[in-house]
Amino acid sequence: MLLLGVADFLRKDSAQSSVPAVHGQLKVHFLDVGQADCTLVQCDGHSVLIDGGSWDSYPTVFEYLRGLGITSLDYVIATHPHADHIGGMSNIIRDFDVKQFLLPDIEGKNASFEQMRKALNERGTSTTFAAAGLSYSMGKGKL
């Protein structure tokens, strides 16, 4: 949870990095997706995407991830169902192998949320509602 708070704080001066992750190191990428949010976290060869930006920023997210050689994401996290956080999620789910999708136990009432839910169902992606006290492994790191 602290990482999400730091990510939101640092997002205002975000910078993109194309340096590959080094084994045993935590690497955080703050993608420049305008007023939307999208953060990539890498550790020990594992990748986690936190939010996916808005629908119109998806090409930037796609190119950035593919530029790093990413075709699979261990976890994708939707922090909340606003379009500037999940607008690109349906495309991420369709274009990348998402192993586990984490979302808040909040029902969205917008087109982006419905498209995300439809993509999750179409791909049969495993979903989990985030809850306090849960943790997820990323190699030697935990999320």
Protein backbone atom coordinates (compact mmCIF):
# COMPACT_ATOMS: atom_id res chain seq x y z
CA MET A 1 0.00 0.00 0.00
CA LEU A 2 2.86 2.39 0.68
CA LEU A 3 4.09 1.82 -2.87
CA LEU A 4 0.75 3.00 -4.26
CA GLY A 5 0.92 6.15 -2.14
CA VAL A 6 4.46 6.86 -3.27
CA ALA A 7 3.50 6.17 -6.88
CA ASP A 8 0.64 8.67 -6.72
CA PHE A 9 2.90 11.29 -5.13
CA LEU A 10 5.75 10.84 -7.59
CA ARG A 11 3.47 10.54 -10.62
CA LYS A 12 3.32 14.29 -11.05
CA ASP A 13 7.01 14.36 -12.10
CA SER A 14 7.00 10.97 -13.79
CA ALA A 15 9.80 9.80 -16.02
CA GLN A 16 10.05 6.79 -18.24
CA SER A 17 13.00 4.44 -18.08
CA SER A 18 14.06 1.85 -20.61
CA VAL A 19 16.76 0.26 -18.46
CA PRO A 20 16.07 -3.49 -18.10
CA ALA A 21 15.37 -4.92 -14.66
CA VAL A 22 18.37 -6.44 -12.92
CA HIS A 23 17.91 -9.72 -11.04
CA GLY A 24 17.35 -9.05 -7.35
CA GLN A 25 16.43 -5.39 -7.79
CA LEU A 26 13.09 -3.66 -7.59
CA LYS A 27 12.43 -1.40 -10.55
CA VAL A 28 9.47 1.00 -10.72
CA HIS A 29 8.45 2.70 -14.00
CA PHE A 30 6.07 5.66 -13.89
CA LEU A 31 4.57 5.85 -17.37
CA ASP A 32 3.68 9.24 -18.74
CA VAL A 33 0.02 8.80 -19.68
CA GLY A 34 -1.11 12.40 -19.24
CA GLN A 35 -3.64 12.93 -16.46
CA ALA A 36 -4.16 9.17 -16.10
CA ASP A 37 -2.18 6.69 -13.99
CA CYS A 38 -0.06 3.70 -14.98
CA THR A 39 2.88 2.20 -13.06
CA LEU A 40 4.99 -0.86 -13.87
CA VAL A 41 6.82 -2.67 -11.05
CA GLN A 42 9.47 -5.30 -11.81
CA CYS A 43 11.33 -7.62 -9.44
CA ASP A 44 13.28 -10.83 -10.14
CA GLY A 45 11.84 -11.19 -13.64
CA HIS A 46 8.25 -10.61 -12.49
CA SER A 47 6.11 -7.73 -13.74
CA VAL A 48 3.15 -5.98 -12.12
CA LEU A 49 1.10 -3.27 -13.80
CA ILE A 50 -0.77 -0.90 -11.49
CA ASP A 51 -3.59 0.81 -13.37
CA GLY A 52 -3.63 1.06 -17.15
CA GLY A 53 -4.17 4.68 -18.00
CA SER A 54 -7.09 5.98 -19.99
CA TRP A 55 -8.38 4.43 -23.20
CA ASP A 56 -6.58 6.93 -25.42
CA SER A 57 -3.23 6.43 -23.65
CA TYR A 58 -3.23 2.67 -24.29
CA PRO A 59 -0.90 2.84 -27.34
CA THR A 60 1.74 4.46 -25.09
CA VAL A 61 1.35 1.72 -22.48
CA PHE A 62 1.43 -1.05 -25.11
CA GLU A 63 4.57 0.29 -26.81
CA TYR A 64 6.34 0.83 -23.49
CA LEU A 65 5.65 -2.69 -22.23
CA ARG A 66 6.52 -4.34 -25.54
CA GLY A 67 9.65 -2.17 -25.75
CA LEU A 68 10.78 -3.83 -22.52
CA GLY A 69 10.00 -7.23 -24.03
CA ILE A 70 6.99 -7.80 -21.79
CA THR A 71 4.33 -10.15 -23.16
CA SER A 72 3.13 -11.46 -19.81
CA LEU A 73 2.18 -9.73 -16.56
CA ASP A 74 2.19 -11.63 -13.28
CA TYR A 75 -0.29 -9.23 -11.73
CA VAL A 76 -2.40 -6.38 -13.01
CA ILE A 77 -3.96 -4.16 -10.37
CA ALA A 78 -6.91 -1.83 -10.89
CA THR A 79 -6.88 0.56 -7.93
CA HIS A 80 -10.39 1.87 -8.56
CA PRO A 81 -12.94 1.94 -11.40
CA HIS A 82 -12.37 5.46 -12.78
CA ALA A 83 -11.70 5.69 -16.53
CA ASP A 84 -8.32 7.41 -16.02
CA HIS A 85 -7.11 4.29 -14.18
CA ILE A 86 -8.88 1.45 -16.01
CA GLY A 87 -9.70 2.92 -19.42
CA GLY A 88 -6.96 0.86 -21.10
CA MET A 89 -7.47 -2.29 -19.02
CA SER A 90 -9.64 -4.16 -21.53
CA ASN A 91 -6.84 -3.87 -24.11
CA ILE A 92 -4.17 -4.87 -21.61
CA ILE A 93 -6.17 -7.98 -20.72
CA ARG A 94 -6.61 -8.86 -24.40
CA ASP A 95 -3.04 -8.06 -25.55
CA PHE A 96 -0.98 -9.48 -22.67
CA ASP A 97 -1.00 -12.76 -20.78
CA VAL A 98 -2.33 -11.57 -17.40
CA LYS A 99 -1.82 -14.28 -14.78
CA GLN A 100 -3.70 -12.62 -11.90
CA PHE A 101 -5.95 -9.56 -11.88
CA LEU A 102 -6.51 -7.70 -8.62
CA LEU A 103 -9.30 -5.21 -8.19
CA PRO A 104 -11.08 -3.43 -5.36
CA ASP A 105 -14.44 -4.72 -4.21
CA ILE A 106 -16.16 -1.71 -5.79
CA GLU A 107 -18.66 -1.96 -8.61
CA GLY A 108 -17.93 0.49 -11.41
CA LYS A 109 -20.77 2.15 -13.25
CA ASN A 110 -19.06 3.21 -16.46
CA ALA A 111 -18.21 1.86 -19.90
CA SER A 112 -14.53 1.29 -19.01
CA PHE A 113 -15.47 -0.94 -16.09
CA GLU A 114 -17.91 -2.94 -18.21
CA GLN A 115 -15.32 -3.38 -20.98
CA MET A 116 -12.74 -4.50 -18.41
CA ARG A 117 -15.14 -7.03 -16.90
CA LYS A 118 -16.04 -8.34 -20.38
CA ALA A 119 -12.36 -8.78 -21.31
CA LEU A 120 -11.66 -10.62 -18.02
CA ASN A 121 -14.55 -13.00 -18.72
CA GLU A 122 -13.54 -13.54 -22.36
CA ARG A 123 -9.95 -14.40 -21.43
CA GLY A 124 -10.90 -16.37 -18.31
CA THR A 125 -8.40 -14.31 -16.32
CA SER A 126 -8.16 -15.17 -12.64
CA THR A 127 -9.42 -12.27 -10.51
CA THR A 128 -9.06 -11.49 -6.83
CA PHE A 129 -10.60 -8.73 -4.76
CA ALA A 130 -7.85 -6.88 -2.94
CA ALA A 131 -8.11 -6.93 0.84
CA ALA A 132 -6.00 -5.77 3.75
CA GLY A 133 -3.43 -8.32 4.85
CA LEU A 134 -3.08 -10.14 1.51
CA SER A 135 0.35 -10.30 -0.11
CA TYR A 136 1.62 -11.60 -3.42
CA SER A 137 5.04 -12.93 -4.32
CA MET A 138 7.30 -11.32 -6.94
CA GLY A 139 10.41 -13.48 -6.74
CA LYS A 140 12.16 -12.39 -3.58
CA GLY A 141 9.83 -9.40 -3.24
CA LYS A 142 6.27 -9.18 -2.02
CA LEU A 143 3.44 -7.00 -3.14
